[in-house]
Protein backbone atom coordinates (compact mmCIF):
# COMPACT_ATOMS: atom_id res chain seq x y z
CA UNK A 1 22.33 7.60 -6.17
CA UNK A 2 19.25 5.96 -7.64
CA UNK A 3 17.93 2.42 -7.86
CA UNK A 4 17.73 0.78 -11.30
CA UNK A 5 16.91 -2.86 -10.51
CA UNK A 6 15.64 -4.88 -7.54
CA UNK A 7 15.87 -8.64 -7.05
CA UNK A 8 14.47 -10.22 -3.87
CA UNK A 9 14.42 -13.89 -2.94
CA UNK A 10 13.04 -15.55 0.19
CA UNK A 11 12.49 -12.38 2.20
CA UNK A 12 9.32 -12.28 4.30
CA UNK A 13 6.31 -12.56 1.96
CA UNK A 14 8.45 -12.47 -1.18
CA UNK A 15 9.62 -15.77 -2.54
CA UNK A 16 10.80 -14.18 -5.76
CA UNK A 17 10.79 -10.72 -7.33
CA UNK A 18 12.79 -9.31 -10.22
CA UNK A 19 12.00 -5.74 -11.21
CA UNK A 20 13.76 -3.51 -13.73
CA UNK A 21 12.66 -0.02 -12.77
CA UNK A 22 11.44 2.47 -15.38
CA UNK A 23 12.77 6.02 -15.44
CA UNK A 24 11.26 8.37 -12.88
CA UNK A 25 12.02 9.59 -9.40
CA UNK A 26 8.61 8.85 -7.85
CA UNK A 27 7.78 5.17 -7.54
CA UNK A 28 4.40 4.62 -5.87
CA UNK A 29 3.57 0.98 -5.14
CA UNK A 30 -0.14 0.19 -5.02
CA UNK A 31 -2.28 -2.94 -4.89
CA UNK A 32 -4.21 -5.01 -2.41
CA UNK A 33 -3.05 -5.48 1.18
CA UNK A 34 -0.45 -8.20 1.84
CA UNK A 35 0.99 -7.97 -1.66
CA UNK A 36 4.44 -7.22 -0.14
CA UNK A 37 4.65 -3.49 -0.88
CA UNK A 38 6.11 -2.66 2.53
CA UNK A 39 8.44 -5.66 2.31
CA UNK A 40 9.98 -4.18 -0.85
CA UNK A 41 10.69 -0.96 1.02
CA UNK A 42 12.21 -2.88 3.92
CA UNK A 43 14.40 -4.83 1.52
CA UNK A 44 15.80 -1.56 0.16
CA UNK A 45 16.35 -0.20 3.67
CA UNK A 46 18.12 -3.34 4.86
CA UNK A 47 20.39 -3.45 1.81
CA UNK A 48 21.68 0.04 2.62
CA UNK A 49 21.34 -0.13 6.39
CA UNK A 50 23.82 2.33 7.93
CA UNK A 51 24.66 0.16 10.96
CA UNK A 52 26.38 -3.20 11.24
CA UNK A 53 24.12 -4.67 13.93
CA UNK A 54 21.04 -5.35 11.81
CA UNK A 55 18.95 -8.02 13.55
CA UNK A 56 17.16 -10.80 11.64
CA UNK A 57 14.92 -13.60 12.85
CA UNK A 58 13.52 -16.82 11.38
CA UNK A 59 10.29 -14.98 10.49
CA UNK A 60 12.24 -12.79 8.04
CA UNK A 61 12.68 -15.85 5.81
CA UNK A 62 9.92 -16.71 3.34
CA UNK A 63 7.52 -18.95 5.26
CA UNK A 64 10.27 -19.30 7.92
CA UNK A 65 12.25 -21.61 5.62
CA UNK A 66 15.71 -20.89 6.98
CA UNK A 67 17.30 -23.46 4.65
CA UNK A 68 16.69 -21.02 1.76
CA UNK A 69 18.83 -17.96 2.37
CA UNK A 70 17.57 -14.42 2.03
CA UNK A 71 19.07 -12.85 -1.08
CA UNK A 72 18.45 -9.19 -1.98
CA UNK A 73 20.26 -7.56 -4.90
CA UNK A 74 19.79 -3.88 -5.64
CA UNK A 75 21.49 -2.21 -8.57
CA UNK A 76 22.21 1.50 -8.11
CA UNK A 77 23.21 4.13 -10.63
CA UNK A 78 24.00 7.84 -10.53
CA UNK A 79 27.01 6.80 -8.49
CA UNK A 80 29.34 8.81 -6.29
CA UNK A 81 32.68 9.31 -8.01
CA UNK A 82 34.61 7.48 -5.30
CA UNK A 83 32.45 4.38 -5.79
CA UNK A 84 33.83 4.13 -9.33
CA UNK A 85 37.49 4.29 -8.29
CA UNK A 86 39.53 1.16 -8.98
CA UNK A 87 40.61 0.96 -5.36
CA UNK A 88 36.95 1.01 -4.34
CA UNK A 89 34.37 -0.82 -6.49
CA UNK A 90 35.55 0.16 -9.98
CA UNK A 91 36.40 -3.42 -10.92
CA UNK A 92 32.79 -4.42 -10.22
CA UNK A 93 31.06 -1.76 -12.31
CA UNK A 94 28.26 -2.94 -14.60
CA UNK A 95 26.22 -1.23 -17.33
CA UNK A 96 22.54 -0.17 -17.34
CA UNK A 97 20.65 0.49 -20.55
CA UNK A 98 17.90 2.98 -19.63
CA UNK A 99 16.12 2.52 -22.96
CA UNK A 100 15.71 -1.25 -22.81
CA UNK A 101 15.90 -1.41 -19.00
CA UNK A 102 18.47 -4.18 -19.18
CA UNK A 103 21.49 -4.81 -17.00
CA UNK A 104 24.76 -5.67 -18.73
CA UNK A 105 27.59 -7.20 -16.74
CA UNK A 106 30.24 -5.15 -18.52
CA UNK A 107 30.21 -1.33 -18.41
CA UNK A 108 30.24 0.54 -21.73
CA UNK A 109 30.38 4.12 -22.92
CA UNK A 110 26.73 4.14 -24.01
CA UNK A 111 25.56 2.57 -20.72
CA UNK A 112 25.18 4.08 -17.27
CA UNK A 113 27.74 2.79 -14.79
CA UNK A 114 26.00 0.92 -11.97
CA UNK A 115 26.83 -1.29 -9.00
CA UNK A 116 24.89 -4.29 -7.71
CA UNK A 117 24.78 -4.55 -3.93
CA UNK A 118 23.85 -7.93 -2.49
CA UNK A 119 22.55 -8.60 1.02
CA UNK A 120 22.52 -12.26 2.05
CA UNK A 121 21.32 -13.79 5.29
CA UNK A 122 21.71 -17.50 6.00
CA UNK A 123 20.35 -19.55 8.90
CA UNK A 124 22.98 -18.12 11.27
CA UNK A 125 21.06 -14.82 10.87
CA UNK A 126 24.23 -12.84 10.18
CA UNK A 127 23.80 -10.27 7.38
CA UNK A 128 26.50 -10.02 4.74
CA UNK A 129 26.76 -7.04 2.37
CA UNK A 130 28.79 -7.36 -0.85
CA UNK A 131 29.19 -5.66 -4.22
CA UNK A 132 28.90 -8.33 -6.91
CA UNK A 133 28.93 -8.89 -10.66
CA UNK A 134 28.90 -11.97 -12.86
CA UNK A 135 32.67 -11.62 -13.28
CA UNK A 136 33.08 -11.89 -9.51
CA UNK A 137 29.95 -13.49 -8.00
CA UNK A 138 31.57 -13.74 -4.57
CA UNK A 139 31.98 -9.97 -4.57
CA UNK A 140 33.78 -7.64 -2.20
CA UNK A 141 32.45 -6.28 1.11
CA UNK A 142 30.16 -3.25 0.89
CA UNK A 143 31.30 -1.21 3.86
CA UNK A 144 29.08 0.38 6.47
CA UNK A 145 30.32 3.89 5.64
CA UNK A 146 29.46 3.36 1.96
CA UNK A 147 25.98 2.10 2.80
CA UNK A 148 25.45 5.36 4.63
CA UNK A 149 26.54 7.35 1.58
CA UNK A 150 23.69 5.92 -0.50
CA UNK A 151 21.37 8.04 1.66
CA UNK A 152 18.43 5.67 2.19
CA UNK A 153 15.88 6.79 4.78
CA UNK A 154 12.59 5.15 5.79
CA UNK A 155 9.64 7.28 6.89
CA UNK A 156 7.34 4.83 8.59
CA UNK A 157 4.58 4.96 11.17
CA UNK A 158 7.07 5.20 14.04
CA UNK A 159 9.30 8.17 13.29
CA UNK A 160 10.26 9.63 16.69
CA UNK A 161 13.84 8.34 16.34
CA UNK A 162 14.24 10.19 13.05
CA UNK A 163 13.84 13.54 14.84
CA UNK A 164 16.94 12.87 16.91
CA UNK A 165 20.65 12.63 16.14
CA UNK A 166 20.67 8.83 16.42
CA UNK A 167 23.06 6.97 14.12
CA UNK A 168 21.89 6.84 10.52
CA UNK A 169 19.19 9.52 10.75
CA UNK A 170 19.00 12.43 8.34
CA UNK A 171 19.73 14.84 11.21
CA UNK A 172 22.93 12.95 11.98
CA UNK A 173 23.99 13.39 8.36
CA UNK A 174 23.34 17.13 8.59
CA UNK A 175 26.00 17.38 11.32
CA UNK A 176 28.34 14.62 10.22
CA UNK A 177 31.37 16.91 10.45
CA UNK A 178 30.99 17.37 14.22
CA UNK A 179 31.68 14.65 16.76
CA UNK A 180 28.44 14.15 18.66
CA UNK A 181 30.06 11.59 20.94
CA UNK A 182 32.60 14.17 22.14
CA UNK A 183 29.82 16.73 22.58
CA UNK A 184 27.79 14.40 24.81
CA UNK A 185 30.88 13.34 26.78
CA UNK A 186 31.49 17.02 27.58
CA UNK A 187 27.83 17.35 28.61
CA UNK A 188 28.30 14.47 31.07
CA UNK A 189 31.35 16.15 32.58
CA UNK A 190 29.46 19.43 32.87
CA UNK A 191 26.63 17.68 34.72
CA UNK A 192 29.17 16.16 37.13
CA UNK A 193 30.81 19.53 37.83
CA UNK A 194 27.43 21.21 38.31
CA UNK A 195 26.46 18.62 40.91
CA UNK A 196 29.74 19.14 42.76
CA UNK A 197 29.16 22.91 42.98
CA UNK A 198 25.71 22.41 44.55
CA UNK A 199 26.93 19.67 46.92
CA UNK A 200 26.25 21.52 50.22
CA UNK A 201 22.59 21.96 49.20
CA UNK A 202 21.67 18.95 47.15
CA UNK A 203 23.92 16.13 48.40
CA UNK A 204 23.97 16.61 52.18
CA UNK A 205 22.04 13.42 53.00
CA UNK A 206 23.87 11.44 50.35
CA UNK A 207 27.27 12.55 51.66
CA UNK A 208 26.21 11.62 55.18
CA UNK A 209 25.48 8.11 53.95
CA UNK A 210 28.88 8.11 52.19
CA UNK A 211 30.66 9.00 55.46
CA UNK A 212 28.92 6.11 57.22
CA UNK A 213 30.05 3.84 54.39
CA UNK A 214 33.60 5.15 54.84
CA UNK A 215 33.56 4.31 58.56
CA UNK A 216 32.35 0.81 57.76
CA UNK A 217 35.12 0.44 55.16
CA UNK A 218 37.81 1.39 57.68
CA UNK A 219 36.33 -0.96 60.27
CA UNK A 220 36.52 -3.81 57.78
CA UNK A 221 40.01 -2.96 56.59
CA UNK A 222 38.97 -1.62 53.18
CA UNK A 223 41.48 1.05 52.10
CA UNK A 224 40.26 4.67 51.87
CA UNK A 225 42.53 6.88 49.75
CA UNK A 226 40.77 10.24 50.28
CA UNK A 227 37.15 10.45 51.46
CA UNK A 228 33.93 8.78 50.39
CA UNK A 229 31.29 11.05 48.83
CA UNK A 230 28.29 10.82 46.50
CA UNK A 231 29.10 11.69 42.89
CA UNK A 232 28.08 10.93 39.29
CA UNK A 233 29.80 7.95 37.66
CA UNK A 234 30.53 9.08 34.10
CA UNK A 235 30.53 5.48 32.90
CA UNK A 236 26.94 5.10 34.10
CA UNK A 237 25.55 8.33 32.68
CA UNK A 238 23.65 7.20 29.61
CA UNK A 239 23.72 10.27 27.38
CA UNK A 240 23.35 8.57 23.99
CA UNK A 241 23.54 10.20 20.58
CA UNK A 242 19.84 9.43 20.19
CA UNK A 243 19.14 11.44 23.31
CA UNK A 244 19.96 14.65 21.46
CA UNK A 245 16.70 15.51 19.72
CA UNK A 246 14.95 18.37 17.96
CA UNK A 247 12.91 20.65 20.26
CA UNK A 248 10.48 23.48 19.69
CA UNK A 249 11.43 25.64 22.64
CA UNK A 250 11.35 23.17 25.53
CA UNK A 251 9.00 20.71 23.80
CA UNK A 252 10.57 17.75 21.94
CA UNK A 253 9.27 17.52 18.40
CA UNK A 254 8.61 13.80 18.86
CA UNK A 255 5.42 15.01 20.55
CA UNK A 256 4.13 16.45 17.28
CA UNK A 257 1.23 14.68 15.58
CA UNK A 258 2.06 11.70 13.41
CA UNK A 259 1.49 13.52 10.12
CA UNK A 260 3.55 16.55 11.14
CA UNK A 261 6.44 14.36 12.26
CA UNK A 262 6.48 12.49 8.98
CA UNK A 263 6.29 15.63 6.86
CA UNK A 264 9.13 17.22 8.82
CA UNK A 265 11.23 14.08 8.48
CA UNK A 266 10.69 14.09 4.73
CA UNK A 267 11.88 17.70 4.53
CA UNK A 268 14.96 17.01 6.64
CA UNK A 269 15.81 13.98 4.50
CA UNK A 270 15.74 16.18 1.41
CA UNK A 271 17.69 19.07 2.96
CA UNK A 272 20.34 16.98 4.65
CA UNK A 273 21.70 15.09 1.68
CA UNK A 274 23.42 17.30 -0.86
CA UNK A 275 24.53 14.27 -2.87
CA UNK A 276 20.96 13.02 -3.29
CA UNK A 277 18.90 10.50 -1.39
CA UNK A 278 16.52 7.55 -1.63
CA UNK A 279 13.51 8.12 0.59
CA UNK A 280 11.13 5.29 1.46
CA UNK A 281 7.69 6.53 2.53
CA UNK A 282 5.44 3.72 3.82
CA UNK A 283 1.69 4.51 3.79
CA UNK A 284 2.21 8.14 2.83
CA UNK A 285 -1.30 9.20 3.88
CA UNK A 286 -1.00 8.20 7.57
CA UNK A 287 -1.85 11.14 9.82
CA UNK A 288 -2.35 13.62 6.96
CA UNK A 289 -5.41 15.57 5.91
CA UNK A 290 -6.11 15.82 2.15
CA UNK A 291 -4.66 19.33 1.84
CA UNK A 292 -1.42 18.23 3.52
CA UNK A 293 -1.20 15.16 1.26
CA UNK A 294 -1.38 17.56 -1.69
CA UNK A 295 1.35 19.76 -0.21
CA UNK A 296 3.63 16.82 0.61
CA UNK A 297 3.38 15.34 -2.88
CA UNK A 298 4.13 18.76 -4.37
CA UNK A 299 7.22 18.94 -2.12
CA UNK A 300 8.29 15.49 -3.33
CA UNK A 301 7.69 16.33 -6.97
CA UNK A 302 9.83 19.48 -6.73
CA UNK A 303 12.82 17.55 -5.38
CA UNK A 304 15.02 16.70 -8.36
CA UNK A 305 17.85 15.24 -6.27
CA UNK A 306 16.00 12.38 -4.65
CA UNK A 307 14.30 9.13 -5.59
CA UNK A 308 11.10 8.36 -3.67
CA UNK A 309 9.50 4.97 -3.09
CA UNK A 310 5.97 5.35 -1.74
CA UNK A 311 3.22 2.96 -0.69
CA UNK A 312 -0.39 3.95 -0.20
CA UNK A 313 -3.92 2.69 0.29
CA UNK A 314 -5.41 6.15 -0.19
CA UNK A 315 -7.48 7.15 -3.23
CA UNK A 316 -6.51 10.74 -2.43
CA UNK A 317 -2.82 9.98 -2.97
CA UNK A 318 -3.54 8.23 -6.27
CA UNK A 319 -5.44 11.23 -7.57
CA UNK A 320 -2.44 13.48 -6.87
CA UNK A 321 -0.01 11.27 -8.81
CA UNK A 322 0.35 10.66 -12.52
CA UNK A 323 0.06 7.34 -14.30
CA UNK A 324 3.87 7.27 -14.73
CA UNK A 325 4.30 7.30 -10.94
CA UNK A 326 2.11 4.28 -10.26
CA UNK A 327 3.22 0.66 -10.15
CA UNK A 328 0.80 -2.15 -9.30
CA UNK A 329 2.13 -4.95 -7.09
CA UNK A 330 0.69 -8.44 -7.50
CA UNK A 331 1.63 -11.44 -5.37
CA UNK A 332 0.67 -15.00 -6.22
CA UNK A 333 2.13 -17.75 -4.09
CA UNK A 334 5.06 -15.57 -3.09
CA UNK A 335 5.96 -14.67 -6.68
CA UNK A 336 5.69 -10.89 -6.87
CA UNK A 337 5.26 -8.98 -10.11
CA UNK A 338 5.13 -5.22 -10.56
CA UNK A 339 3.30 -3.65 -13.51
CA UNK A 340 3.87 -0.01 -14.39
CA UNK A 341 0.61 1.83 -15.07
CA UNK A 342 2.55 3.96 -17.53
CA UNK A 343 3.85 1.01 -19.54
CA UNK A 344 3.96 1.46 -23.31
CA UNK A 345 1.01 -0.20 -24.98
CA UNK A 346 -1.52 0.78 -22.31
CA UNK A 347 -2.32 4.18 -23.82
CA UNK A 348 -5.38 2.86 -25.65
CA UNK A 349 -6.97 1.93 -22.34
CA UNK A 350 -6.69 5.49 -20.97
CA UNK A 351 -5.30 4.25 -17.68
CA UNK A 352 -4.69 7.76 -16.32
CA UNK A 353 -8.39 8.63 -16.52
CA UNK A 354 -9.36 5.31 -14.96
CA UNK A 355 -7.04 5.91 -12.02
CA UNK A 356 -8.55 9.31 -11.30
CA UNK A 357 -12.16 8.09 -11.60
CA UNK A 358 -11.82 4.58 -10.16
CA UNK A 359 -9.09 4.84 -7.54
CA UNK A 360 -10.57 2.40 -5.02
CA UNK A 361 -10.53 -0.44 -7.54
CA UNK A 362 -6.78 -0.01 -8.12
CA UNK A 363 -6.22 -0.88 -4.45
CA UNK A 364 -7.98 -4.26 -4.73
CA UNK A 365 -6.94 -7.67 -6.07
CA UNK A 366 -10.09 -8.42 -8.07
CA UNK A 367 -12.44 -6.01 -9.79
CA UNK A 368 -16.08 -6.49 -10.76
CA UNK A 369 -16.87 -3.88 -13.41
CA UNK A 370 -20.57 -3.12 -12.93
CA UNK A 371 -22.58 -1.33 -15.59
CA UNK A 372 -24.10 1.13 -13.11
CA UNK A 373 -24.82 2.07 -9.52
CA UNK A 374 -27.84 -0.29 -9.36
CA UNK A 375 -25.59 -3.29 -9.95
CA UNK A 376 -23.06 -2.05 -7.37
CA UNK A 377 -25.77 -1.62 -4.73
CA UNK A 378 -27.40 -4.94 -5.65
CA UNK A 379 -24.07 -6.76 -5.22
CA UNK A 380 -23.46 -5.03 -1.89
CA UNK A 381 -26.77 -6.39 -0.69
CA UNK A 382 -25.86 -9.81 -2.10
CA UNK A 383 -22.54 -9.61 -0.21
CA UNK A 384 -24.36 -8.94 3.09
CA UNK A 385 -26.73 -11.84 2.38
CA UNK A 386 -23.82 -14.22 1.81
CA UNK A 387 -22.14 -13.08 5.04
CA UNK A 388 -25.38 -13.80 6.92
CA UNK A 389 -25.19 -17.29 5.46
CA UNK A 390 -21.66 -17.91 6.79
CA UNK A 391 -19.81 -17.00 3.57
CA UNK A 392 -16.66 -14.89 3.49
CA UNK A 393 -17.34 -11.35 2.16
CA UNK A 394 -16.12 -9.82 -1.08
CA UNK A 395 -13.52 -7.91 0.94
CA UNK A 396 -12.00 -11.17 2.21
CA UNK A 397 -11.43 -12.21 -1.40
CA UNK A 398 -9.97 -8.79 -2.32
CA UNK A 399 -12.93 -7.85 -4.53
CA UNK A 400 -13.81 -4.24 -5.40
CA UNK A 401 -17.11 -3.28 -7.04
CA UNK A 402 -16.59 -0.63 -9.72
CA UNK A 403 -19.37 1.54 -11.16
CA UNK A 404 -18.67 2.02 -14.88
CA UNK A 405 -21.47 4.62 -14.96
CA UNK A 406 -22.81 3.38 -18.32
CA UNK A 407 -22.77 0.32 -20.51
CA UNK A 408 -20.54 1.89 -23.16
CA UNK A 409 -17.70 2.24 -20.64
CA UNK A 410 -17.76 -1.33 -19.37
CA UNK A 411 -15.50 -2.90 -21.99
CA UNK A 412 -12.77 -0.25 -21.83
CA UNK A 413 -12.64 -0.38 -18.04
CA UNK A 414 -12.48 -4.18 -17.97
CA UNK A 415 -9.68 -4.22 -20.55
CA UNK A 416 -7.71 -1.53 -18.69
CA UNK A 417 -7.73 -3.46 -15.43
CA UNK A 418 -6.93 -6.73 -17.21
CA UNK A 419 -3.96 -5.06 -18.90
CA UNK A 420 -2.61 -4.24 -15.43
CA UNK A 421 -2.93 -7.91 -14.40
CA UNK A 422 -5.94 -7.55 -12.13
CA UNK A 423 -8.47 -10.37 -11.95
CA UNK A 424 -11.50 -8.84 -13.66
CA UNK A 425 -15.11 -9.81 -14.25
CA UNK A 426 -18.10 -7.90 -15.65
CA UNK A 427 -21.74 -7.62 -14.55
CA UNK A 428 -23.80 -5.84 -17.20
CA UNK A 429 -27.27 -5.49 -18.67
CA UNK A 430 -28.02 -6.96 -22.08
CA UNK A 431 -30.85 -4.62 -23.06
CA UNK A 432 -28.84 -1.98 -24.98
CA UNK A 433 -26.72 -3.52 -27.73
CA UNK A 434 -25.44 -0.09 -28.77
CA UNK A 435 -23.95 0.29 -25.25
CA UNK A 436 -22.67 -3.23 -24.48
CA UNK A 437 -23.14 -5.76 -27.24
CA UNK A 438 -22.91 -9.50 -27.68
CA UNK A 439 -19.68 -8.87 -29.61
CA UNK A 440 -18.26 -6.89 -26.63
CA UNK A 441 -19.19 -9.74 -24.34
CA UNK A 442 -17.46 -12.27 -26.61
CA UNK A 443 -14.34 -10.10 -26.87
CA UNK A 444 -13.98 -9.85 -23.10
CA UNK A 445 -14.50 -13.57 -22.59
CA UNK A 446 -11.83 -14.29 -25.19
CA UNK A 447 -9.44 -12.15 -23.10
CA UNK A 448 -10.21 -14.28 -20.04
CA UNK A 449 -12.64 -11.82 -18.45
CA UNK A 450 -15.77 -13.63 -17.14
CA UNK A 451 -18.83 -11.66 -18.24
CA UNK A 452 -22.18 -12.07 -16.52
CA UNK A 453 -25.21 -10.69 -18.38
CA UNK A 454 -28.91 -11.35 -18.04
CA UNK A 455 -30.60 -13.66 -20.52
CA UNK A 456 -33.12 -12.60 -23.16
CA UNK A 457 -31.43 -9.20 -23.62
CA UNK A 458 -32.91 -7.83 -20.39
CA UNK A 459 -31.79 -5.26 -17.83
CA UNK A 460 -31.30 -6.17 -14.16
CA UNK A 461 -34.73 -4.78 -13.23
CA UNK A 462 -36.48 -6.60 -16.07
CA UNK A 463 -34.69 -9.87 -15.34
CA UNK A 464 -35.42 -9.63 -11.61
CA UNK A 465 -39.16 -9.01 -12.04
CA UNK A 466 -39.32 -11.93 -14.48
CA UNK A 467 -37.57 -14.34 -12.08
CA UNK A 468 -38.52 -13.33 -8.52
CA UNK A 469 -41.24 -15.15 -6.61
CA UNK A 470 -44.40 -13.02 -6.53
CA UNK A 471 -44.07 -12.12 -2.80
CA UNK A 472 -40.62 -10.65 -3.57
CA UNK A 473 -42.13 -8.64 -6.44
CA UNK A 474 -44.76 -7.20 -4.11
CA UNK A 475 -42.05 -6.40 -1.52
CA UNK A 476 -40.15 -4.50 -4.24
CA UNK A 477 -43.27 -2.49 -5.13
CA UNK A 478 -43.83 -1.64 -1.48
CA UNK A 479 -40.23 -0.41 -1.15
CA UNK A 480 -40.40 1.71 -4.32
CA UNK A 481 -43.72 3.30 -3.37
CA UNK A 482 -43.25 3.62 0.39
CA UNK A 483 -39.66 4.28 1.44
CA UNK A 484 -38.47 5.54 -1.96
CA UNK A 485 -41.58 7.58 -2.75
CA UNK A 486 -42.27 6.65 -6.39
CA UNK A 487 -45.83 6.78 -7.87
CA UNK A 488 -45.60 3.07 -8.58
CA UNK A 489 -49.19 2.43 -9.77
CA UNK A 490 -49.14 5.27 -12.29
CA UNK A 491 -45.72 4.32 -13.63
CA UNK A 492 -46.63 0.65 -14.04
CA UNK A 493 -50.02 1.52 -15.51
CA UNK A 494 -48.31 3.49 -18.28
CA UNK A 495 -46.64 0.23 -19.36
CA UNK A 496 -49.62 -2.12 -18.75
CA UNK A 497 -52.80 -2.45 -20.78
CA UNK A 498 -55.12 -3.82 -18.08
CA UNK A 499 -56.64 -2.30 -14.93
CA UNK A 500 -54.67 -2.07 -11.66
CA UNK A 501 -55.92 -1.67 -8.12
CA UNK A 502 -54.67 1.41 -6.24
CA UNK A 503 -53.25 -0.95 -3.59
CA UNK A 504 -50.18 -2.64 -5.06
CA UNK A 505 -50.29 -5.30 -2.38
CA UNK A 506 -53.35 -6.94 -3.94
CA UNK A 507 -52.11 -7.08 -7.52
CA UNK A 508 -52.42 -10.51 -9.05
CA UNK A 509 -49.54 -12.18 -10.85
CA UNK A 510 -49.40 -12.35 -14.64
CA UNK A 511 -46.55 -12.52 -17.19
CA UNK A 512 -47.70 -9.24 -18.74
CA UNK A 513 -47.69 -7.46 -15.39
CA UNK A 514 -44.20 -8.76 -14.56
CA UNK A 515 -42.94 -7.30 -17.84
CA UNK A 516 -44.65 -3.95 -17.18
CA UNK A 517 -43.21 -3.71 -13.64
CA UNK A 518 -39.68 -4.44 -14.90
CA UNK A 519 -39.90 -1.79 -17.62
CA UNK A 520 -41.38 0.78 -15.23
CA UNK A 521 -38.67 0.10 -12.63
CA UNK A 522 -35.95 0.58 -15.26
CA UNK A 523 -37.40 3.64 -16.98
CA UNK A 524 -38.42 5.42 -13.74
CA UNK A 525 -35.14 4.64 -11.96
CA UNK A 526 -36.61 3.05 -8.84
CA UNK A 527 -33.28 1.53 -7.81
CA UNK A 528 -30.83 3.65 -9.84
CA UNK A 529 -28.22 4.38 -7.21
CA UNK A 530 -26.05 2.35 -4.87
CA UNK A 531 -28.13 2.87 -1.73
CA UNK A 532 -31.43 2.00 -3.40
CA UNK A 533 -29.92 -1.03 -5.13
CA UNK A 534 -28.71 -2.28 -1.76
CA UNK A 535 -32.12 -1.68 -0.13
CA UNK A 536 -33.83 -3.50 -2.98
CA UNK A 537 -31.71 -6.61 -2.57
CA UNK A 538 -32.37 -6.69 1.16
CA UNK A 539 -36.12 -6.69 0.42
CA UNK A 540 -35.92 -9.60 -2.00
CA UNK A 541 -33.19 -11.73 -0.35
CA UNK A 542 -35.70 -14.26 1.12
CA UNK A 543 -36.24 -15.39 -2.48
CA UNK A 544 -32.78 -16.97 -2.44
CA UNK A 545 -34.12 -19.59 -0.03
CA UNK A 546 -36.62 -20.66 -2.72
CA UNK A 547 -35.42 -23.75 -4.64
CA UNK A 548 -37.34 -22.83 -7.79
CA UNK A 549 -35.88 -19.30 -7.86
CA UNK A 550 -32.40 -20.79 -7.51
CA UNK A 551 -32.76 -22.20 -11.02
CA UNK A 552 -33.70 -18.85 -12.57
CA UNK A 553 -31.24 -16.77 -14.61
CA UNK A 554 -30.87 -14.02 -11.99
CA UNK A 555 -29.84 -16.43 -9.23
CA UNK A 556 -27.64 -18.50 -11.54
CA UNK A 557 -25.62 -15.51 -12.80
CA UNK A 558 -25.11 -14.18 -9.27
CA UNK A 559 -24.02 -17.62 -8.16
CA UNK A 560 -21.43 -17.83 -10.94
CA UNK A 561 -20.11 -14.39 -10.08
CA UNK A 562 -19.75 -15.37 -6.43
CA UNK A 563 -17.92 -18.55 -7.42
CA UNK A 564 -15.49 -16.43 -9.46
CA UNK A 565 -14.90 -14.15 -6.46
CA UNK A 566 -14.23 -17.10 -4.15
CA UNK A 567 -12.03 -19.26 -6.34
CA UNK A 568 -10.15 -17.18 -8.91
């Protein structure tokens, strides 16, 4: 069976979600932390939980509002034949149009037959499972045995239980035809008989104590039918189904490393369910090296009987998947929306290429598209400066800094992320109109993408050396010449008509010299990578304490960008 539609209301961090799933058997949920990706997986697991004693608490309700009941509706297709029988759920069948991704309440020949399973939990915390349709909104009970047949399994961080024959595990389904309870009852009896055989050796002291107890019983008038002795009480031997576990020789496989356990569980889930399965894999990358991530995803992709729901925060996982597999989760005030990266209409933005080259940004909430590595490094330094001044960092606001690698790629990247409902802004130079033009800037702003560029058609380096207080300019020259090893005097002299002392520290300020330094810094690449951009900002950050500098274009644009990061 496979999921076609998910509706969640008032469950944990989800106030409301309605999602009609596209075709495809690999559904990878990505996005910033706390966007409710794991909650969606838990909602699926709870709806098809194989046991009746599923425990809920007040914290499972959205913002602990127990007056608003938890309501989860999951529509499943590719049904077992017996689910369609009239004496089962046939009267509640609905229709799913795979082309339009719409659910119809009445089944039809041209529609896939589906069932909608509803899990409700009210303030009494008792779960109720029903199969519903608009024709019968009250529904009929969805039985425990039928929930098991759907074949939903969660592979989470804690997976030791899944390598045992506990109820509901994939291993238990592999041996469903054999009574494990009878097997373990026989094991208990065998243990009792074995102890009786060794009684003269192992129970001598215990039997001596039993005889004393028998004498006391007779003295007190307590009847003795035969003779007191030490023995196992079968009712107290706790050999549970979950106690039967996979071993490698004498070593239980629960002692394997986390990644190995999860990979093995995934394989067992696939092998143990001939009728198909729905596997939920939370944080797929946990415990796995890159080469094993590649192997696991290949294993998943080759399984044509299962449907996989994955979550990840790993760029490595994203690079192994295709754009059709990826679905971005956004949460605003509890309202969760999911955007497919493979949605029709996004082809012009070349989303697949952006995912492979800019994976980290897809895991954030907000994206600053920077023209180059200098801007990324400069903003990292700015971020550290703001933290030192008691501001929350970019990471707190869910901001990722993305290197577009050239001005002519800025617009396409910004539009691609905007199309996927990310909050996007742009930080770019204004010195190359053939790379990023005034028209590009206007187009992005019209789309609601704040665009921060330096005035007077200048690059970052040119703007900075125009605006910085002179001591900060000299500090920049010292950094470029000393730690970074550039022939600063010669490079500036090639852009400056007047004489220059060999010692940069004694250069006198002039508008012409400021211009020459800015051009030399840009053309010679003094700060043209992330590390050097960061170092540069740290050298000049005292300037931000200068009131006059605070009114300059460089400081004003950075201030507006920070305000966007804090408040959007």
